[in-house]
Amino acid sequence: MQERSKLRTYLGFSIRAGKIAMGVNAIECTRKRVYALVMCSSAAKNTRKDAEKLRDRLQAPLCVADDLAELVNKENCKLCALLDRSLASAVVALFGREAIAPQRRT
């Protein structure tokens, strides 16, 4: 429960700072560096596939959270990208080993 509260706080900070992109299309269109991706555990199969492609292309870790829409106060939000290095590292540290690292490019 404490981790969920911390995650809500970190995502709230990034929303207030304007350092978050919500949705697959918004993430694909962003020109800023993406430091971490957070996906909802109830995301559809195609959204999961898109998130994995983005993870590998952007070289950013992917974290899976329960009920992401409630955490960011945006209905039907299934994927968001953190655009701030320090907030992203805090979120990834919160998930620990559960964060999925990107595949190395060859």
N, C-alpha and C. Protein backbone atom coordinates (compact mmCIF):
# COMPACT_ATOMS: atom_id res chain seq x y z
N MET A 1 0.82 -1.20 0.00
CA MET A 1 0.00 0.00 0.00
C MET A 1 0.86 1.26 0.00
N GLN A 2 1.98 1.20 0.71
CA GLN A 2 2.86 2.36 0.78
C GLN A 2 3.50 2.62 -0.59
N GLU A 3 3.83 1.56 -1.33
CA GLU A 3 4.41 1.73 -2.65
C GLU A 3 3.41 2.41 -3.59
N ARG A 4 2.14 2.04 -3.47
CA ARG A 4 1.09 2.65 -4.31
C ARG A 4 0.96 4.13 -4.00
N SER A 5 1.05 4.49 -2.74
CA SER A 5 0.98 5.89 -2.35
C SER A 5 2.18 6.67 -2.89
N LYS A 6 3.36 6.06 -2.84
CA LYS A 6 4.55 6.71 -3.38
C LYS A 6 4.44 6.87 -4.89
N LEU A 7 3.94 5.82 -5.56
CA LEU A 7 3.78 5.89 -7.01
C LEU A 7 2.80 7.00 -7.39
N ARG A 8 1.71 7.11 -6.66
CA ARG A 8 0.73 8.17 -6.91
C ARG A 8 1.39 9.54 -6.73
N THR A 9 2.22 9.69 -5.72
CA THR A 9 2.92 10.95 -5.46
C THR A 9 3.88 11.28 -6.59
N TYR A 10 4.69 10.31 -7.01
CA TYR A 10 5.65 10.54 -8.08
C TYR A 10 4.95 10.91 -9.39
N LEU A 11 3.87 10.20 -9.72
CA LEU A 11 3.13 10.50 -10.94
C LEU A 11 2.46 11.87 -10.83
N GLY A 12 1.98 12.22 -9.64
CA GLY A 12 1.39 13.54 -9.43
C GLY A 12 2.40 14.65 -9.63
N PHE A 13 3.61 14.44 -9.12
CA PHE A 13 4.68 15.43 -9.31
C PHE A 13 4.97 15.61 -10.81
N SER A 14 5.04 14.50 -11.53
CA SER A 14 5.36 14.61 -12.96
C SER A 14 4.23 15.28 -13.74
N ILE A 15 2.98 15.07 -13.33
CA ILE A 15 1.86 15.74 -13.99
C ILE A 15 1.93 17.24 -13.74
N ARG A 16 2.17 17.63 -12.49
CA ARG A 16 2.24 19.06 -12.15
C ARG A 16 3.41 19.75 -12.85
N ALA A 17 4.49 19.01 -13.04
CA ALA A 17 5.67 19.58 -13.70
C ALA A 17 5.58 19.51 -15.22
N GLY A 18 4.57 18.83 -15.74
CA GLY A 18 4.44 18.69 -17.18
C GLY A 18 5.46 17.74 -17.77
N LYS A 19 5.91 16.79 -16.98
CA LYS A 19 6.94 15.85 -17.40
C LYS A 19 6.38 14.45 -17.60
N ILE A 20 5.20 14.36 -18.20
CA ILE A 20 4.57 13.06 -18.44
C ILE A 20 3.83 13.12 -19.77
N ALA A 21 3.86 12.00 -20.49
CA ALA A 21 3.07 11.85 -21.71
C ALA A 21 2.16 10.66 -21.49
N MET A 22 0.85 10.84 -21.73
CA MET A 22 -0.12 9.78 -21.47
C MET A 22 -0.73 9.29 -22.78
N GLY A 23 -0.64 7.98 -22.99
CA GLY A 23 -1.18 7.37 -24.19
C GLY A 23 -0.09 7.00 -25.19
N VAL A 24 -0.34 5.97 -25.96
CA VAL A 24 0.64 5.47 -26.91
C VAL A 24 0.96 6.53 -27.96
N ASN A 25 -0.08 7.19 -28.51
CA ASN A 25 0.15 8.20 -29.56
C ASN A 25 0.94 9.38 -29.03
N ALA A 26 0.63 9.84 -27.83
CA ALA A 26 1.36 10.97 -27.25
C ALA A 26 2.83 10.62 -27.01
N ILE A 27 3.08 9.39 -26.60
CA ILE A 27 4.46 8.96 -26.36
C ILE A 27 5.22 8.87 -27.68
N GLU A 28 4.57 8.35 -28.72
CA GLU A 28 5.23 8.25 -30.02
C GLU A 28 5.54 9.62 -30.60
N CYS A 29 4.71 10.62 -30.32
CA CYS A 29 4.88 11.96 -30.88
C CYS A 29 5.81 12.85 -30.07
N THR A 30 6.12 12.48 -28.85
CA THR A 30 6.94 13.35 -28.01
C THR A 30 8.35 13.47 -28.55
N ARG A 31 8.89 14.66 -28.45
CA ARG A 31 10.25 14.91 -28.93
C ARG A 31 11.26 14.87 -27.78
N LYS A 32 10.75 14.75 -26.56
CA LYS A 32 11.61 14.74 -25.38
C LYS A 32 12.10 13.32 -25.11
N ARG A 33 13.15 13.22 -24.33
CA ARG A 33 13.72 11.93 -23.93
C ARG A 33 12.79 11.25 -22.94
N VAL A 34 12.48 9.99 -23.17
CA VAL A 34 11.64 9.20 -22.28
C VAL A 34 12.56 8.38 -21.38
N TYR A 35 12.37 8.51 -20.06
CA TYR A 35 13.24 7.82 -19.11
C TYR A 35 12.60 6.56 -18.53
N ALA A 36 11.27 6.47 -18.54
CA ALA A 36 10.59 5.27 -18.04
C ALA A 36 9.17 5.23 -18.59
N LEU A 37 8.66 4.02 -18.74
CA LEU A 37 7.28 3.79 -19.17
C LEU A 37 6.54 3.09 -18.04
N VAL A 38 5.30 3.48 -17.81
CA VAL A 38 4.45 2.83 -16.82
C VAL A 38 3.19 2.37 -17.53
N MET A 39 2.90 1.07 -17.44
CA MET A 39 1.76 0.49 -18.12
C MET A 39 0.78 -0.08 -17.09
N CYS A 40 -0.50 0.01 -17.40
CA CYS A 40 -1.54 -0.56 -16.54
C CYS A 40 -1.56 -2.07 -16.71
N SER A 41 -1.81 -2.77 -15.64
CA SER A 41 -1.83 -4.24 -15.70
C SER A 41 -3.02 -4.75 -16.50
N SER A 42 -4.06 -3.92 -16.69
CA SER A 42 -5.23 -4.34 -17.45
C SER A 42 -5.17 -3.90 -18.91
N ALA A 43 -4.01 -3.52 -19.39
CA ALA A 43 -3.86 -3.06 -20.78
C ALA A 43 -4.16 -4.20 -21.75
N ALA A 44 -4.70 -3.85 -22.89
CA ALA A 44 -5.04 -4.84 -23.92
C ALA A 44 -3.78 -5.40 -24.56
N LYS A 45 -3.96 -6.47 -25.29
CA LYS A 45 -2.83 -7.18 -25.92
C LYS A 45 -2.07 -6.26 -26.88
N ASN A 46 -2.78 -5.49 -27.69
CA ASN A 46 -2.12 -4.59 -28.64
C ASN A 46 -1.39 -3.46 -27.93
N THR A 47 -1.95 -2.98 -26.83
CA THR A 47 -1.28 -1.93 -26.06
C THR A 47 0.00 -2.48 -25.43
N ARG A 48 -0.05 -3.70 -24.95
CA ARG A 48 1.15 -4.33 -24.40
C ARG A 48 2.23 -4.47 -25.47
N LYS A 49 1.82 -4.87 -26.67
CA LYS A 49 2.77 -5.02 -27.77
C LYS A 49 3.38 -3.66 -28.13
N ASP A 50 2.53 -2.60 -28.18
CA ASP A 50 3.03 -1.25 -28.46
C ASP A 50 3.99 -0.79 -27.37
N ALA A 51 3.67 -1.09 -26.12
CA ALA A 51 4.53 -0.69 -25.00
C ALA A 51 5.89 -1.38 -25.08
N GLU A 52 5.90 -2.64 -25.47
CA GLU A 52 7.16 -3.37 -25.60
C GLU A 52 8.00 -2.81 -26.75
N LYS A 53 7.34 -2.44 -27.85
CA LYS A 53 8.07 -1.82 -28.97
C LYS A 53 8.65 -0.48 -28.55
N LEU A 54 7.87 0.32 -27.85
CA LEU A 54 8.35 1.62 -27.37
C LEU A 54 9.51 1.44 -26.39
N ARG A 55 9.39 0.45 -25.51
CA ARG A 55 10.44 0.17 -24.53
C ARG A 55 11.77 -0.09 -25.23
N ASP A 56 11.71 -0.91 -26.27
CA ASP A 56 12.94 -1.27 -26.98
C ASP A 56 13.45 -0.11 -27.84
N ARG A 57 12.54 0.61 -28.48
CA ARG A 57 12.96 1.72 -29.33
C ARG A 57 13.52 2.89 -28.53
N LEU A 58 12.88 3.21 -27.40
CA LEU A 58 13.30 4.35 -26.59
C LEU A 58 14.35 4.00 -25.55
N GLN A 59 14.63 2.69 -25.40
CA GLN A 59 15.59 2.21 -24.40
C GLN A 59 15.23 2.71 -23.00
N ALA A 60 13.97 2.51 -22.63
CA ALA A 60 13.47 2.93 -21.32
C ALA A 60 12.86 1.72 -20.61
N PRO A 61 13.03 1.61 -19.30
CA PRO A 61 12.43 0.49 -18.57
C PRO A 61 10.91 0.60 -18.54
N LEU A 62 10.25 -0.55 -18.50
CA LEU A 62 8.79 -0.62 -18.49
C LEU A 62 8.33 -1.18 -17.15
N CYS A 63 7.48 -0.44 -16.45
CA CYS A 63 6.94 -0.86 -15.16
C CYS A 63 5.44 -1.12 -15.33
N VAL A 64 4.93 -2.14 -14.67
CA VAL A 64 3.52 -2.48 -14.76
C VAL A 64 2.86 -2.18 -13.42
N ALA A 65 1.85 -1.28 -13.44
CA ALA A 65 1.16 -0.86 -12.23
C ALA A 65 -0.31 -1.28 -12.30
N ASP A 66 -0.92 -1.45 -11.15
CA ASP A 66 -2.35 -1.74 -11.08
C ASP A 66 -3.14 -0.45 -11.15
N ASP A 67 -4.15 -0.41 -12.00
CA ASP A 67 -5.09 0.71 -12.14
C ASP A 67 -4.37 2.05 -12.32
N LEU A 68 -3.66 2.16 -13.42
CA LEU A 68 -2.91 3.38 -13.74
C LEU A 68 -3.84 4.58 -13.93
N ALA A 69 -5.03 4.35 -14.47
CA ALA A 69 -5.97 5.46 -14.71
C ALA A 69 -6.32 6.17 -13.40
N GLU A 70 -6.46 5.43 -12.34
CA GLU A 70 -6.76 6.04 -11.03
C GLU A 70 -5.56 6.81 -10.50
N LEU A 71 -4.37 6.31 -10.75
CA LEU A 71 -3.17 6.96 -10.24
C LEU A 71 -2.91 8.31 -10.91
N VAL A 72 -3.23 8.42 -12.21
CA VAL A 72 -2.98 9.67 -12.93
C VAL A 72 -4.25 10.49 -13.11
N ASN A 73 -5.36 10.02 -12.57
CA ASN A 73 -6.65 10.72 -12.65
C ASN A 73 -7.07 11.01 -14.08
N LYS A 74 -6.85 10.04 -14.96
CA LYS A 74 -7.26 10.16 -16.35
C LYS A 74 -7.91 8.85 -16.76
N GLU A 75 -9.17 8.93 -17.13
CA GLU A 75 -9.94 7.74 -17.45
C GLU A 75 -9.34 7.00 -18.64
N ASN A 76 -9.28 5.69 -18.54
CA ASN A 76 -8.80 4.79 -19.59
C ASN A 76 -7.34 5.01 -19.97
N CYS A 77 -6.53 5.55 -19.10
CA CYS A 77 -5.10 5.70 -19.37
C CYS A 77 -4.42 4.36 -19.10
N LYS A 78 -3.80 3.81 -20.14
CA LYS A 78 -3.18 2.49 -20.01
C LYS A 78 -1.66 2.53 -20.11
N LEU A 79 -1.09 3.65 -20.58
CA LEU A 79 0.35 3.75 -20.73
C LEU A 79 0.76 5.21 -20.58
N CYS A 80 1.82 5.44 -19.83
CA CYS A 80 2.36 6.80 -19.71
C CYS A 80 3.88 6.73 -19.69
N ALA A 81 4.49 7.84 -20.10
CA ALA A 81 5.95 7.94 -20.16
C ALA A 81 6.40 9.06 -19.25
N LEU A 82 7.44 8.81 -18.47
CA LEU A 82 8.01 9.83 -17.59
C LEU A 82 9.17 10.50 -18.32
N LEU A 83 9.12 11.83 -18.36
CA LEU A 83 10.08 12.61 -19.13
C LEU A 83 11.11 13.30 -18.24
N ASP A 84 11.11 12.98 -16.96
CA ASP A 84 12.07 13.55 -16.01
C ASP A 84 12.94 12.43 -15.45
N ARG A 85 14.23 12.63 -15.49
CA ARG A 85 15.17 11.57 -15.09
C ARG A 85 15.03 11.18 -13.62
N SER A 86 14.95 12.16 -12.73
CA SER A 86 14.92 11.85 -11.30
C SER A 86 13.61 11.18 -10.90
N LEU A 87 12.48 11.64 -11.43
CA LEU A 87 11.20 11.00 -11.12
C LEU A 87 11.15 9.59 -11.70
N ALA A 88 11.68 9.43 -12.90
CA ALA A 88 11.69 8.11 -13.52
C ALA A 88 12.56 7.13 -12.73
N SER A 89 13.71 7.59 -12.26
CA SER A 89 14.57 6.69 -11.49
C SER A 89 13.92 6.33 -10.16
N ALA A 90 13.16 7.26 -9.57
CA ALA A 90 12.46 6.96 -8.32
C ALA A 90 11.37 5.92 -8.56
N VAL A 91 10.65 6.03 -9.66
CA VAL A 91 9.58 5.06 -9.98
C VAL A 91 10.18 3.69 -10.28
N VAL A 92 11.26 3.65 -11.05
CA VAL A 92 11.90 2.37 -11.37
C VAL A 92 12.46 1.74 -10.10
N ALA A 93 13.02 2.53 -9.20
CA ALA A 93 13.52 2.00 -7.93
C ALA A 93 12.39 1.45 -7.09
N LEU A 94 11.23 2.07 -7.18
CA LEU A 94 10.05 1.60 -6.44
C LEU A 94 9.62 0.22 -6.93
N PHE A 95 9.71 -0.02 -8.23
CA PHE A 95 9.34 -1.32 -8.79
C PHE A 95 10.46 -2.34 -8.63
N GLY A 96 11.69 -1.89 -8.52
CA GLY A 96 12.81 -2.80 -8.31
C GLY A 96 12.98 -3.78 -9.44
N ARG A 97 13.04 -5.06 -9.10
CA ARG A 97 13.27 -6.11 -10.10
C ARG A 97 12.06 -6.33 -11.01
N GLU A 98 10.89 -5.80 -10.63
CA GLU A 98 9.70 -5.98 -11.44
C GLU A 98 9.73 -5.13 -12.70
N ALA A 99 10.57 -4.10 -12.74
CA ALA A 99 10.69 -3.26 -13.93
C ALA A 99 11.34 -4.07 -15.04
N ILE A 100 10.77 -3.99 -16.24
CA ILE A 100 11.26 -4.76 -17.37
C ILE A 100 12.25 -3.91 -18.15
N ALA A 101 13.48 -4.36 -18.20
CA ALA A 101 14.54 -3.62 -18.89
C ALA A 101 14.38 -3.75 -20.40
N PRO A 102 14.81 -2.74 -21.14
CA PRO A 102 14.72 -2.80 -22.60
C PRO A 102 15.71 -3.82 -23.17
N GLN A 103 15.36 -4.35 -24.34
CA GLN A 103 16.25 -5.28 -25.05
C GLN A 103 17.40 -4.48 -25.64
N ARG A 104 18.58 -5.02 -25.61
CA ARG A 104 19.75 -4.36 -26.19
C ARG A 104 19.68 -4.37 -27.70
N ARG A 105 20.06 -3.28 -28.30
CA ARG A 105 20.12 -3.21 -29.76
C ARG A 105 21.40 -3.85 -30.24
N THR A 106 21.31 -4.56 -31.35
CA THR A 106 22.52 -5.19 -31.89
C THR A 106 22.88 -4.61 -33.23
